[in-house]
Protein backbone atom coordinates (compact mmCIF):
# COMPACT_ATOMS: atom_id res chain seq x y z
CA UNK A 1 -5.17 -29.50 -32.23
CA UNK A 2 -9.04 -28.82 -32.67
CA UNK A 3 -11.02 -29.13 -30.30
CA UNK A 4 -8.42 -30.11 -27.09
CA UNK A 5 -10.22 -27.19 -25.33
CA UNK A 6 -13.46 -29.46 -25.08
CA UNK A 7 -11.67 -32.56 -24.20
CA UNK A 8 -10.10 -30.85 -21.34
CA UNK A 9 -13.31 -29.32 -20.22
CA UNK A 10 -14.85 -33.22 -20.41
CA UNK A 11 -11.89 -34.48 -18.27
CA UNK A 12 -12.03 -32.07 -15.62
CA UNK A 13 -16.00 -32.73 -15.22
CA UNK A 14 -15.39 -36.71 -15.41
CA UNK A 15 -12.83 -36.24 -12.35
CA UNK A 16 -15.02 -34.20 -10.59
CA UNK A 17 -18.10 -36.75 -11.11
CA UNK A 18 -15.65 -39.81 -10.31
CA UNK A 19 -13.83 -38.07 -7.21
CA UNK A 20 -17.39 -36.86 -5.48
CA UNK A 21 -18.13 -40.34 -4.62
CA UNK A 22 -14.66 -40.13 -2.55
CA UNK A 23 -13.70 -37.06 -1.28
CA UNK A 24 -15.58 -33.78 -0.19
CA UNK A 25 -13.35 -31.58 -2.26
CA UNK A 26 -14.63 -32.62 -5.08
CA UNK A 27 -18.03 -31.54 -4.62
CA UNK A 28 -19.23 -29.01 -6.50
CA UNK A 29 -22.91 -28.58 -5.67
CA UNK A 30 -24.55 -27.62 -2.55
CA UNK A 31 -28.06 -28.50 -0.93
CA UNK A 32 -29.22 -25.07 -1.91
CA UNK A 33 -31.01 -23.01 0.10
CA UNK A 34 -30.18 -25.23 3.42
CA UNK A 35 -26.37 -25.24 2.25
CA UNK A 36 -25.12 -21.58 1.15
CA UNK A 37 -21.35 -21.01 -0.42
CA UNK A 38 -19.88 -17.74 0.67
CA UNK A 39 -19.65 -15.26 -2.67
CA UNK A 40 -16.47 -14.38 -3.59
CA UNK A 41 -15.40 -10.23 -2.72
CA UNK A 42 -15.90 -9.64 -6.39
CA UNK A 43 -19.22 -10.83 -6.63
CA UNK A 44 -22.06 -8.17 -7.86
CA UNK A 45 -25.10 -8.05 -8.32
CA UNK A 46 -27.46 -4.83 -8.10
CA UNK A 47 -26.38 -1.48 -6.67
CA UNK A 48 -26.76 0.01 -3.11
CA UNK A 49 -26.30 3.47 -1.77
CA UNK A 50 -23.57 4.00 0.88
CA UNK A 51 -24.38 6.36 4.27
CA UNK A 52 -22.01 6.74 6.94
CA UNK A 53 -22.87 7.27 10.78
CA UNK A 54 -26.05 5.90 12.10
CA UNK A 55 -28.14 7.99 10.02
CA UNK A 56 -29.00 6.80 6.20
CA UNK A 57 -30.78 9.73 5.43
CA UNK A 58 -28.26 12.36 6.94
CA UNK A 59 -24.98 10.11 6.32
CA UNK A 60 -25.69 9.44 2.75
CA UNK A 61 -23.03 9.74 0.37
CA UNK A 62 -24.79 10.96 -2.80
CA UNK A 63 -25.22 14.81 -3.75
CA UNK A 64 -27.65 13.69 -6.60
CA UNK A 65 -25.33 14.50 -9.67
CA UNK A 66 -26.86 12.61 -11.78
CA UNK A 67 -24.16 11.32 -13.61
CA UNK A 68 -24.88 7.91 -12.91
CA UNK A 69 -28.53 8.35 -14.22
CA UNK A 70 -27.02 9.82 -17.30
CA UNK A 71 -24.68 7.27 -17.71
CA UNK A 72 -26.93 3.92 -16.93
CA UNK A 73 -27.47 1.67 -20.25
CA UNK A 74 -30.82 0.80 -19.48
CA UNK A 75 -32.27 3.48 -18.02
CA UNK A 76 -32.82 1.88 -14.47
CA UNK A 77 -32.06 4.76 -12.17
CA UNK A 78 -34.57 7.91 -11.68
CA UNK A 79 -33.14 11.14 -9.47
CA UNK A 80 -34.74 14.03 -8.16
CA UNK A 81 -32.22 16.61 -6.34
CA UNK A 82 -33.32 18.61 -3.56
CA UNK A 83 -33.86 22.19 -3.18
CA UNK A 84 -31.65 22.40 -0.63
CA UNK A 85 -28.25 21.54 0.58
CA UNK A 86 -26.61 19.54 3.80
CA UNK A 87 -23.02 18.75 4.76
CA UNK A 88 -21.36 15.67 2.97
CA UNK A 89 -18.98 13.35 4.17
CA UNK A 90 -16.35 16.46 3.98
CA UNK A 91 -18.70 18.87 5.81
CA UNK A 92 -19.33 20.81 2.39
CA UNK A 93 -22.77 21.71 1.86
CA UNK A 94 -24.40 19.66 -1.21
CA UNK A 95 -27.41 18.63 -2.80
CA UNK A 96 -28.72 15.14 -1.50
CA UNK A 97 -31.26 13.39 -3.75
CA UNK A 98 -34.89 13.82 -2.89
CA UNK A 99 -35.65 10.73 -4.97
CA UNK A 100 -33.18 7.84 -6.08
CA UNK A 101 -35.26 4.87 -7.36
CA UNK A 102 -33.15 1.84 -9.16
CA UNK A 103 -35.62 -0.32 -11.08
CA UNK A 104 -33.87 -3.63 -10.15
CA UNK A 105 -36.14 -5.71 -12.87
CA UNK A 106 -34.33 -3.70 -15.43
CA UNK A 107 -30.94 -3.16 -14.27
CA UNK A 108 -28.61 -5.65 -15.94
CA UNK A 109 -25.67 -5.62 -12.82
CA UNK A 110 -23.08 -3.32 -15.55
CA UNK A 111 -21.33 -1.76 -12.66
CA UNK A 112 -20.92 1.13 -14.86
CA UNK A 113 -22.84 3.00 -12.02
CA UNK A 114 -20.35 2.36 -9.95
CA UNK A 115 -17.38 3.29 -11.73
CA UNK A 116 -18.70 6.77 -13.07
CA UNK A 117 -19.42 7.69 -9.46
CA UNK A 118 -17.06 10.58 -7.91
CA UNK A 119 -18.25 10.37 -4.54
CA UNK A 120 -17.87 6.73 -3.78
CA UNK A 121 -21.84 7.02 -3.04
CA UNK A 122 -23.20 3.38 -5.12
CA UNK A 123 -21.84 0.13 -5.02
CA UNK A 124 -22.65 -3.12 -5.90
CA UNK A 125 -24.19 -5.36 -3.32
CA UNK A 126 -23.75 -9.34 -3.22
CA UNK A 127 -27.60 -9.80 -2.36
CA UNK A 128 -29.33 -12.05 -5.46
CA UNK A 129 -32.72 -13.57 -3.92
CA UNK A 130 -35.06 -10.36 -4.85
CA UNK A 131 -37.56 -12.58 -5.83
CA UNK A 132 -41.24 -10.94 -5.19
CA UNK A 133 -44.58 -11.86 -5.94
CA UNK A 134 -45.00 -8.10 -7.24
CA UNK A 135 -43.61 -7.90 -10.15
CA UNK A 136 -43.68 -3.59 -10.46
CA UNK A 137 -43.43 -2.33 -7.43
CA UNK A 138 -41.61 -4.81 -5.63
CA UNK A 139 -38.78 -4.47 -7.85
CA UNK A 140 -38.81 -1.00 -7.63
CA UNK A 141 -36.21 0.04 -4.70
CA UNK A 142 -36.40 3.60 -3.50
CA UNK A 143 -33.15 5.55 -1.66
CA UNK A 144 -34.34 4.20 1.62
CA UNK A 145 -34.35 0.38 0.50
CA UNK A 146 -30.94 0.84 -1.44
CA UNK A 147 -29.33 2.50 1.43
CA UNK A 148 -27.03 0.45 3.38
CA UNK A 149 -24.25 1.08 5.73
CA UNK A 150 -20.63 1.72 5.53
CA UNK A 151 -20.06 -1.32 7.40
CA UNK A 152 -22.06 -3.24 5.38
CA UNK A 153 -19.97 -2.21 2.28
CA UNK A 154 -16.93 -3.20 4.82
CA UNK A 155 -18.59 -6.97 5.12
CA UNK A 156 -18.91 -7.83 1.88
CA UNK A 157 -15.84 -6.11 -0.15
CA UNK A 158 -13.30 -5.41 2.60
CA UNK A 159 -10.16 -4.72 0.31
CA UNK A 160 -12.44 -2.38 -1.89
CA UNK A 161 -13.93 -0.21 1.35
CA UNK A 162 -10.72 -0.04 2.70
CA UNK A 163 -8.54 1.51 -0.06
CA UNK A 164 -12.15 3.97 -0.62
CA UNK A 165 -12.01 4.74 3.61
CA UNK A 166 -8.46 5.35 3.05
CA UNK A 167 -8.79 7.72 0.19
CA UNK A 168 -11.89 9.66 1.64
CA UNK A 169 -10.02 10.66 4.40
CA UNK A 170 -6.79 12.01 2.90
CA UNK A 171 -9.24 14.05 1.02
CA UNK A 172 -11.09 15.30 4.18
CA UNK A 173 -7.71 15.50 5.74
CA UNK A 174 -6.63 17.96 2.95
CA UNK A 175 -9.66 19.98 2.99
CA UNK A 176 -9.37 20.62 6.80
CA UNK A 177 -5.90 21.62 6.16
CA UNK A 178 -6.91 23.95 3.77
CA UNK A 179 -10.00 25.46 6.00
CA UNK A 180 -7.58 26.45 8.47
CA UNK A 181 -5.21 27.84 6.86
CA UNK A 182 -7.72 29.78 5.44
CA UNK A 183 -8.88 30.61 8.91
CA UNK A 184 -5.63 31.48 10.17
CA UNK A 185 -4.80 34.08 7.14
CA UNK A 186 -8.05 35.77 7.82
CA UNK A 187 -7.58 35.92 11.57
CA UNK A 188 -4.20 37.38 10.65
CA UNK A 189 -5.59 39.74 8.39
CA UNK A 190 -7.98 41.01 10.92
CA UNK A 191 -5.82 41.42 13.85
CA UNK A 192 -2.89 43.54 11.51
CA UNK A 193 -2.93 47.24 12.79
CA UNK A 194 -5.15 49.44 10.46
CA UNK A 195 -2.29 51.86 8.66
CA UNK A 196 -4.07 55.39 8.09
CA UNK A 197 -2.82 56.81 4.24
CA UNK A 198 -0.75 59.83 4.11
CA UNK A 199 -1.43 62.04 0.81
CA UNK A 200 1.77 62.08 -1.17
CA UNK A 201 3.68 65.70 -0.82
CA UNK A 202 5.00 67.82 -3.15
CA UNK A 203 8.96 67.03 -2.69
CA UNK A 204 9.98 70.29 -4.46
CA UNK A 205 10.04 73.21 -2.09
CA UNK A 206 7.62 76.17 -4.07
CA UNK A 207 9.29 78.85 -5.93
CA UNK A 208 8.64 82.54 -5.53
CA UNK A 209 6.94 83.71 -8.59
CA UNK A 210 8.39 86.12 -10.33
CA UNK A 211 6.94 89.41 -11.71
CA UNK A 212 6.10 89.79 -14.96
CA UNK A 213 6.88 92.62 -16.69
CA UNK A 214 4.69 94.94 -19.30
CA UNK A 215 6.04 94.78 -23.26
CA UNK A 216 6.68 97.96 -22.78
CA UNK A 217 8.84 98.39 -19.87
CA UNK A 218 11.29 95.74 -21.61
CA UNK A 219 11.53 97.70 -24.76
CA UNK A 220 12.18 100.83 -23.05
CA UNK A 221 14.90 99.20 -20.84
CA UNK A 222 16.80 97.99 -23.68
CA UNK A 223 16.94 101.58 -25.47
CA UNK A 224 18.42 102.74 -22.40
CA UNK A 225 20.96 100.68 -22.24
CA UNK A 226 21.35 101.48 -26.14
């Protein structure tokens, strides 16, 4: 039936309007900002950078691979790679962002940066009250303003954060096991006795060289026998 969806929507609106006078469950609005509705777990607004531990700079997961910068559709991410390296969450020496800025005024919350990040370093926040009187500098967030702890990530996206932590823990366990195996192999090789190489000798006994007879002697002998 043509227009059936519109009629269903209008009927639902009418039920909510009439029911809001007799039932609190039919109230679809709140007195904002005094009253707030808790965002659902899948809510996404703007990106933030995840760090582990208590130090945001030392625990930052980002290794400045610049994949998110290249894949960002509105090109609102700006990254400068460091000259030196530091250990990442798995203990491997990695580069880190000397500069990581996101222009929130340009970001369209598409979450592509989250999808392409191979290090689980950038996630979507649920914070949306970011208004400021500074139209330009106030909406350009640097790495310190973007950095938020893994605990914050667990608070806003508990299911997703738990899956990420499990995966990172498995990867770390594999890396540690590989490192232990390599160390054990190196220790075993160092402890093995050193064997002196013996040069190969000829197995055949030396033969006595036969004297070479002159050609003349051979002829004379033949004539004597004749």
